[in-house]
Amino acid sequence: MSEQDKLSKEDMKRVENYLSSGFNETDRKPFRGLVLLGIIWSVVAVLGGISWYIGQHAGFL
């Protein structure tokens, strides 16, 4: 970036005021990786069970 593309001090102050105002902040719950892993494992297990059931009744297993 060249020197001309940078914001002036006044514009930079406006940007900092807007970002620090909290207007766009949302409260979120903490990320729970183990819950996500459990959900994914459950879905894979259910799909695997369905495919085993279909294979059993189709005569492939």
C-alpha atoms as a PDB file:
ATOM      1  CA  MET A   1       0.000   0.000   0.000  1.00  0.00           C
ATOM      2  CA  SER A   2       1.218   3.459  -0.758  1.00  0.00           C
ATOM      3  CA  GLU A   3       1.192   6.388   1.638  1.00  0.00           C
ATOM      4  CA  GLN A   4      -1.878   7.859  -0.093  1.00  0.00           C
ATOM      5  CA  ASP A   5      -4.060   4.835   0.697  1.00  0.00           C
ATOM      6  CA  LYS A   6      -3.747   5.212   4.479  1.00  0.00           C
ATOM      7  CA  LEU A   7      -6.464   6.893   6.519  1.00  0.00           C
ATOM      8  CA  SER A   8      -6.046  10.330   7.997  1.00  0.00           C
ATOM      9  CA  LYS A   9      -5.826  10.721  11.770  1.00  0.00           C
ATOM     10  CA  GLU A  10      -9.419  11.963  11.916  1.00  0.00           C
ATOM     11  CA  ASP A  11     -10.734   9.021   9.911  1.00  0.00           C
ATOM     12  CA  MET A  12      -8.684   6.576  11.966  1.00  0.00           C
ATOM     13  CA  LYS A  13     -10.150   8.071  15.153  1.00  0.00           C
ATOM     14  CA  ARG A  14     -13.674   7.590  13.773  1.00  0.00           C
ATOM     15  CA  VAL A  15     -12.900   3.972  12.900  1.00  0.00           C
ATOM     16  CA  GLU A  16     -11.486   3.303  16.383  1.00  0.00           C
ATOM     17  CA  ASN A  17     -14.516   4.916  18.037  1.00  0.00           C
ATOM     18  CA  TYR A  18     -16.887   2.798  15.960  1.00  0.00           C
ATOM     19  CA  LEU A  19     -15.011  -0.432  16.649  1.00  0.00           C
ATOM     20  CA  SER A  20     -14.800   0.250  20.385  1.00  0.00           C
ATOM     21  CA  SER A  21     -18.492   1.219  20.672  1.00  0.00           C
ATOM     22  CA  GLY A  22     -19.608  -2.428  20.765  1.00  0.00           C
ATOM     23  CA  PHE A  23     -22.349  -1.875  18.207  1.00  0.00           C
ATOM     24  CA  ASN A  24     -21.610  -5.082  16.296  1.00  0.00           C
ATOM     25  CA  GLU A  25     -20.638  -7.272  19.245  1.00  0.00           C
ATOM     26  CA  THR A  26     -22.676 -10.362  20.019  1.00  0.00           C
ATOM     27  CA  ASP A  27     -22.475 -12.488  23.128  1.00  0.00           C
ATOM     28  CA  ARG A  28     -21.603 -16.066  22.287  1.00  0.00           C
ATOM     29  CA  LYS A  29     -21.326 -19.244  24.266  1.00  0.00           C
ATOM     30  CA  PRO A  30     -17.863 -20.741  24.482  1.00  0.00           C
ATOM     31  CA  PHE A  31     -16.928 -23.228  21.771  1.00  0.00           C
ATOM     32  CA  ARG A  32     -17.393 -26.818  22.906  1.00  0.00           C
ATOM     33  CA  GLY A  33     -15.316 -29.063  20.707  1.00  0.00           C
ATOM     34  CA  LEU A  34     -16.180 -32.274  22.534  1.00  0.00           C
ATOM     35  CA  VAL A  35     -19.901 -31.688  22.027  1.00  0.00           C
ATOM     36  CA  LEU A  36     -19.312 -31.145  18.311  1.00  0.00           C
ATOM     37  CA  LEU A  37     -17.184 -34.296  18.178  1.00  0.00           C
ATOM     38  CA  GLY A  38     -19.962 -36.236  19.915  1.00  0.00           C
ATOM     39  CA  ILE A  39     -22.582 -34.991  17.476  1.00  0.00           C
ATOM     40  CA  ILE A  40     -20.431 -35.854  14.459  1.00  0.00           C
ATOM     41  CA  TRP A  41     -19.625 -39.286  15.900  1.00  0.00           C
ATOM     42  CA  SER A  42     -23.339 -39.931  16.529  1.00  0.00           C
ATOM     43  CA  VAL A  43     -24.300 -38.969  12.984  1.00  0.00           C
ATOM     44  CA  VAL A  44     -21.581 -41.200  11.505  1.00  0.00           C
ATOM     45  CA  ALA A  45     -22.638 -44.082  13.768  1.00  0.00           C
ATOM     46  CA  VAL A  46     -26.302 -43.730  12.785  1.00  0.00           C
ATOM     47  CA  LEU A  47     -25.464 -43.562   9.069  1.00  0.00           C
ATOM     48  CA  GLY A  48     -23.173 -46.570   9.465  1.00  0.00           C
ATOM     49  CA  GLY A  49     -25.953 -48.491  11.209  1.00  0.00           C
ATOM     50  CA  ILE A  50     -28.404 -47.632   8.441  1.00  0.00           C
ATOM     51  CA  SER A  51     -25.948 -48.738   5.763  1.00  0.00           C
ATOM     52  CA  TRP A  52     -25.266 -51.981   7.652  1.00  0.00           C
ATOM     53  CA  TYR A  53     -29.030 -52.615   7.923  1.00  0.00           C
ATOM     54  CA  ILE A  54     -29.530 -51.993   4.197  1.00  0.00           C
ATOM     55  CA  GLY A  55     -26.562 -54.232   3.330  1.00  0.00           C
ATOM     56  CA  GLN A  56     -27.840 -56.994   5.611  1.00  0.00           C
ATOM     57  CA  HIS A  57     -31.291 -57.042   4.035  1.00  0.00           C
ATOM     58  CA  ALA A  58     -30.003 -56.684   0.504  1.00  0.00           C
ATOM     59  CA  GLY A  59     -27.833 -59.796   0.920  1.00  0.00           C
ATOM     60  CA  PHE A  60     -24.450 -58.110   0.657  1.00  0.00           C
ATOM     61  CA  LEU A  61     -23.411 -58.977   4.233  1.00  0.00           C
END
